[in-house]
Amino acid sequence: MDEELKELPIGKGEVLEEGKDLVILAIGSTVQAALEARDLLTEKGIRAAVLNARFVKPLDEELICSFASESKRVLTVEENALQGGFGSAVLEVLAERGLKEVAVGRLGIPDVFVEHGSQEELRHRYGLDAEGIAQAAESLMGGSGHRNS
């Protein structure tokens, strides 16, 4: 954590780590797990960029599209409902910008009843921990991600 306060520009994301193979686009509480997942991926030779989106609305469209068009693979991670959430907004931006060749994977809470449990248990169950994020990224690297159309 920074010791000195800095101005946080509205609608601007933050590049935390550079990488060319895929982009992990995380928001909120999932950012730290995304960074840890990057370390796991690096051990396997996968170079993942990690972006802290910071904002769902407005999205940093320029940052997202620039990384997506370069790597052609985006994994969104949110501790939120998938339907109508952050990942859906990213899909809309990519579609509007004509980036149909980008493979997109989305991690979040599916449209199901979520039983009670500790945060650690629930994050693990829905793949929102470092291991789950790394596994989803590896799957996306293998070409099994959702294709944006």
C-alpha atoms as a PDB file:
ATOM      1  CA  MET A   1       0.000   0.000   0.000  1.00  0.00           C
ATOM      2  CA  ASP A   2       1.269   3.454  -0.881  1.00  0.00           C
ATOM      3  CA  GLU A   3       2.249   5.600   2.076  1.00  0.00           C
ATOM      4  CA  GLU A   4       1.439   8.826   0.281  1.00  0.00           C
ATOM      5  CA  LEU A   5      -2.068   9.551  -0.940  1.00  0.00           C
ATOM      6  CA  LYS A   6      -2.407   9.925  -4.696  1.00  0.00           C
ATOM      7  CA  GLU A   7      -5.159  11.237  -6.900  1.00  0.00           C
ATOM      8  CA  LEU A   8      -7.232   8.408  -8.364  1.00  0.00           C
ATOM      9  CA  PRO A   9      -8.463   9.408 -11.825  1.00  0.00           C
ATOM     10  CA  ILE A  10     -12.095   8.418 -12.339  1.00  0.00           C
ATOM     11  CA  GLY A  11     -12.532   5.664 -14.931  1.00  0.00           C
ATOM     12  CA  LYS A  12      -8.845   4.793 -15.223  1.00  0.00           C
ATOM     13  CA  GLY A  13      -7.475   1.315 -14.600  1.00  0.00           C
ATOM     14  CA  GLU A  14      -4.017   0.432 -13.401  1.00  0.00           C
ATOM     15  CA  VAL A  15      -1.414  -1.855 -14.959  1.00  0.00           C
ATOM     16  CA  LEU A  16       0.019  -3.924 -12.119  1.00  0.00           C
ATOM     17  CA  GLU A  17       2.028  -6.444 -14.146  1.00  0.00           C
ATOM     18  CA  GLU A  18       2.971  -6.654 -17.816  1.00  0.00           C
ATOM     19  CA  GLY A  19       2.590  -9.809 -19.912  1.00  0.00           C
ATOM     20  CA  LYS A  20       1.882 -10.780 -23.508  1.00  0.00           C
ATOM     21  CA  ASP A  21       0.153 -14.185 -23.327  1.00  0.00           C
ATOM     22  CA  LEU A  22      -3.100 -13.085 -21.699  1.00  0.00           C
ATOM     23  CA  VAL A  23      -4.629 -10.327 -19.612  1.00  0.00           C
ATOM     24  CA  ILE A  24      -6.160 -10.915 -16.196  1.00  0.00           C
ATOM     25  CA  LEU A  25      -8.572  -8.056 -15.638  1.00  0.00           C
ATOM     26  CA  ALA A  26      -9.529  -7.990 -11.954  1.00  0.00           C
ATOM     27  CA  ILE A  27     -11.595  -5.679  -9.823  1.00  0.00           C
ATOM     28  CA  GLY A  28     -11.972  -5.131  -6.098  1.00  0.00           C
ATOM     29  CA  SER A  29     -11.141  -7.970  -3.750  1.00  0.00           C
ATOM     30  CA  THR A  30      -9.997 -10.216  -6.613  1.00  0.00           C
ATOM     31  CA  VAL A  31      -6.960  -8.105  -7.528  1.00  0.00           C
ATOM     32  CA  GLN A  32      -4.633  -9.673  -4.939  1.00  0.00           C
ATOM     33  CA  ALA A  33      -5.647 -13.204  -5.957  1.00  0.00           C
ATOM     34  CA  ALA A  34      -5.022 -12.261  -9.606  1.00  0.00           C
ATOM     35  CA  LEU A  35      -1.487 -11.176  -8.731  1.00  0.00           C
ATOM     36  CA  GLU A  36      -0.896 -14.445  -6.893  1.00  0.00           C
ATOM     37  CA  ALA A  37      -2.301 -16.376  -9.877  1.00  0.00           C
ATOM     38  CA  ARG A  38       0.150 -14.553 -12.124  1.00  0.00           C
ATOM     39  CA  ASP A  39       3.009 -15.928 -10.037  1.00  0.00           C
ATOM     40  CA  LEU A  40       1.620 -19.460 -10.473  1.00  0.00           C
ATOM     41  CA  LEU A  41       1.303 -18.915 -14.226  1.00  0.00           C
ATOM     42  CA  THR A  42       4.830 -17.526 -14.496  1.00  0.00           C
ATOM     43  CA  GLU A  43       6.122 -20.802 -13.018  1.00  0.00           C
ATOM     44  CA  LYS A  44       4.467 -22.556 -15.983  1.00  0.00           C
ATOM     45  CA  GLY A  45       5.927 -20.180 -18.561  1.00  0.00           C
ATOM     46  CA  ILE A  46       2.725 -18.160 -19.088  1.00  0.00           C
ATOM     47  CA  ARG A  47       3.273 -14.405 -19.166  1.00  0.00           C
ATOM     48  CA  ALA A  48       0.106 -12.786 -17.851  1.00  0.00           C
ATOM     49  CA  ALA A  49      -0.585  -9.088 -17.562  1.00  0.00           C
ATOM     50  CA  VAL A  50      -2.635  -8.084 -14.527  1.00  0.00           C
ATOM     51  CA  LEU A  51      -4.811  -5.000 -14.678  1.00  0.00           C
ATOM     52  CA  ASN A  52      -6.705  -3.528 -11.749  1.00  0.00           C
ATOM     53  CA  ALA A  53      -9.820  -2.213 -13.460  1.00  0.00           C
ATOM     54  CA  ARG A  54     -10.669  -0.071 -10.403  1.00  0.00           C
ATOM     55  CA  PHE A  55     -13.994   0.999 -11.945  1.00  0.00           C
ATOM     56  CA  VAL A  56     -16.891  -0.887 -13.485  1.00  0.00           C
ATOM     57  CA  LYS A  57     -18.507   2.333 -14.606  1.00  0.00           C
ATOM     58  CA  PRO A  58     -16.912   3.983 -16.388  1.00  0.00           C
ATOM     59  CA  LEU A  59     -14.619   1.269 -17.699  1.00  0.00           C
ATOM     60  CA  ASP A  60     -11.164   2.195 -18.933  1.00  0.00           C
ATOM     61  CA  GLU A  61     -12.021   1.112 -22.476  1.00  0.00           C
ATOM     62  CA  GLU A  62      -8.743   2.262 -24.011  1.00  0.00           C
ATOM     63  CA  LEU A  63      -6.619   0.300 -21.530  1.00  0.00           C
ATOM     64  CA  ILE A  64      -8.750  -2.840 -21.793  1.00  0.00           C
ATOM     65  CA  CYS A  65      -8.881  -2.795 -25.594  1.00  0.00           C
ATOM     66  CA  SER A  66      -5.189  -2.079 -25.981  1.00  0.00           C
ATOM     67  CA  PHE A  67      -4.196  -5.101 -23.868  1.00  0.00           C
ATOM     68  CA  ALA A  68      -6.945  -7.313 -25.336  1.00  0.00           C
ATOM     69  CA  SER A  69      -5.980  -6.567 -28.930  1.00  0.00           C
ATOM     70  CA  GLU A  70      -2.357  -7.416 -28.199  1.00  0.00           C
ATOM     71  CA  SER A  71      -2.772 -10.681 -26.255  1.00  0.00           C
ATOM     72  CA  LYS A  72      -6.078 -11.857 -27.797  1.00  0.00           C
ATOM     73  CA  ARG A  73      -7.013 -13.441 -24.440  1.00  0.00           C
ATOM     74  CA  VAL A  74      -8.788 -11.757 -21.521  1.00  0.00           C
ATOM     75  CA  LEU A  75      -9.826 -13.284 -18.213  1.00  0.00           C
ATOM     76  CA  THR A  76     -12.137 -11.113 -16.110  1.00  0.00           C
ATOM     77  CA  VAL A  77     -12.317 -11.777 -12.380  1.00  0.00           C
ATOM     78  CA  GLU A  78     -14.961 -10.344 -10.102  1.00  0.00           C
ATOM     79  CA  GLU A  79     -16.550 -11.225  -6.782  1.00  0.00           C
ATOM     80  CA  ASN A  80     -19.957 -10.446  -8.192  1.00  0.00           C
ATOM     81  CA  ALA A  81     -22.743 -12.018 -10.222  1.00  0.00           C
ATOM     82  CA  LEU A  82     -21.562 -12.887 -13.729  1.00  0.00           C
ATOM     83  CA  GLN A  83     -24.830 -11.973 -15.447  1.00  0.00           C
ATOM     84  CA  GLY A  84     -24.831  -8.234 -16.011  1.00  0.00           C
ATOM     85  CA  GLY A  85     -21.577  -7.773 -14.113  1.00  0.00           C
ATOM     86  CA  PHE A  86     -18.086  -6.520 -14.795  1.00  0.00           C
ATOM     87  CA  GLY A  87     -17.187  -9.325 -17.225  1.00  0.00           C
ATOM     88  CA  SER A  88     -20.357  -8.681 -19.200  1.00  0.00           C
ATOM     89  CA  ALA A  89     -19.443  -5.007 -19.489  1.00  0.00           C
ATOM     90  CA  VAL A  90     -15.989  -5.964 -20.787  1.00  0.00           C
ATOM     91  CA  LEU A  91     -17.604  -8.259 -23.381  1.00  0.00           C
ATOM     92  CA  GLU A  92     -19.813  -5.376 -24.520  1.00  0.00           C
ATOM     93  CA  VAL A  93     -16.829  -3.045 -24.925  1.00  0.00           C
ATOM     94  CA  LEU A  94     -14.874  -5.618 -26.926  1.00  0.00           C
ATOM     95  CA  ALA A  95     -17.890  -6.262 -29.172  1.00  0.00           C
ATOM     96  CA  GLU A  96     -18.508  -2.545 -29.704  1.00  0.00           C
ATOM     97  CA  ARG A  97     -14.849  -2.064 -30.652  1.00  0.00           C
ATOM     98  CA  GLY A  98     -14.970  -4.978 -33.116  1.00  0.00           C
ATOM     99  CA  LEU A  99     -12.489  -7.132 -31.187  1.00  0.00           C
ATOM    100  CA  LYS A 100     -14.240 -10.381 -32.077  1.00  0.00           C
ATOM    101  CA  GLU A 101     -11.011 -12.385 -32.246  1.00  0.00           C
ATOM    102  CA  VAL A 102     -10.396 -11.971 -28.495  1.00  0.00           C
ATOM    103  CA  ALA A 103     -11.078 -15.076 -26.385  1.00  0.00           C
ATOM    104  CA  VAL A 104     -12.741 -14.076 -23.122  1.00  0.00           C
ATOM    105  CA  GLY A 105     -13.104 -16.073 -19.935  1.00  0.00           C
ATOM    106  CA  ARG A 106     -15.157 -14.767 -17.024  1.00  0.00           C
ATOM    107  CA  LEU A 107     -14.859 -15.723 -13.364  1.00  0.00           C
ATOM    108  CA  GLY A 108     -17.459 -14.638 -10.861  1.00  0.00           C
ATOM    109  CA  ILE A 109     -20.520 -15.879  -9.041  1.00  0.00           C
ATOM    110  CA  PRO A 110     -22.864 -17.917 -11.268  1.00  0.00           C
ATOM    111  CA  ASP A 111     -26.625 -17.426 -11.177  1.00  0.00           C
ATOM    112  CA  VAL A 112     -27.185 -19.967  -8.409  1.00  0.00           C
ATOM    113  CA  PHE A 113     -28.089 -19.962  -4.745  1.00  0.00           C
ATOM    114  CA  VAL A 114     -24.833 -19.392  -2.874  1.00  0.00           C
ATOM    115  CA  GLU A 115     -24.689 -21.398   0.330  1.00  0.00           C
ATOM    116  CA  HIS A 116     -23.072 -19.984   3.435  1.00  0.00           C
ATOM    117  CA  GLY A 117     -19.380 -20.462   4.053  1.00  0.00           C
ATOM    118  CA  SER A 118     -16.243 -18.556   4.867  1.00  0.00           C
ATOM    119  CA  GLN A 119     -14.917 -16.151   2.272  1.00  0.00           C
ATOM    120  CA  GLU A 120     -11.987 -18.505   1.686  1.00  0.00           C
ATOM    121  CA  GLU A 121     -14.306 -21.486   1.085  1.00  0.00           C
ATOM    122  CA  LEU A 122     -16.606 -19.585  -1.247  1.00  0.00           C
ATOM    123  CA  ARG A 123     -13.787 -18.017  -3.235  1.00  0.00           C
ATOM    124  CA  HIS A 124     -12.278 -21.467  -3.689  1.00  0.00           C
ATOM    125  CA  ARG A 125     -15.638 -22.991  -4.693  1.00  0.00           C
ATOM    126  CA  TYR A 126     -16.167 -20.408  -7.432  1.00  0.00           C
ATOM    127  CA  GLY A 127     -12.550 -20.282  -8.628  1.00  0.00           C
ATOM    128  CA  LEU A 128     -11.908 -16.793  -7.288  1.00  0.00           C
ATOM    129  CA  ASP A 129      -8.721 -17.717  -5.443  1.00  0.00           C
ATOM    130  CA  ALA A 130      -5.233 -17.752  -6.960  1.00  0.00           C
ATOM    131  CA  GLU A 131      -5.420 -21.427  -7.916  1.00  0.00           C
ATOM    132  CA  GLY A 132      -8.823 -21.057  -9.581  1.00  0.00           C
ATOM    133  CA  ILE A 133      -7.764 -17.970 -11.502  1.00  0.00           C
ATOM    134  CA  ALA A 134      -4.561 -19.668 -12.677  1.00  0.00           C
ATOM    135  CA  GLN A 135      -6.531 -22.748 -13.754  1.00  0.00           C
ATOM    136  CA  ALA A 136      -9.018 -20.628 -15.726  1.00  0.00           C
ATOM    137  CA  ALA A 137      -6.143 -18.742 -17.358  1.00  0.00           C
ATOM    138  CA  GLU A 138      -4.468 -22.001 -18.381  1.00  0.00           C
ATOM    139  CA  SER A 139      -7.758 -23.189 -19.841  1.00  0.00           C
ATOM    140  CA  LEU A 140      -8.086 -19.941 -21.788  1.00  0.00           C
ATOM    141  CA  MET A 141      -4.553 -20.391 -23.098  1.00  0.00           C
ATOM    142  CA  GLY A 142      -5.625 -23.791 -24.426  1.00  0.00           C
ATOM    143  CA  GLY A 143      -8.323 -22.172 -26.529  1.00  0.00           C
ATOM    144  CA  SER A 144     -11.293 -23.229 -24.439  1.00  0.00           C
ATOM    145  CA  GLY A 145     -12.370 -19.713 -23.445  1.00  0.00           C
ATOM    146  CA  HIS A 146     -15.649 -18.069 -24.446  1.00  0.00           C
ATOM    147  CA  ARG A 147     -15.352 -16.435 -27.844  1.00  0.00           C
ATOM    148  CA  ASN A 148     -16.677 -12.902 -28.000  1.00  0.00           C
ATOM    149  CA  SER A 149     -19.097 -12.550 -30.910  1.00  0.00           C
END
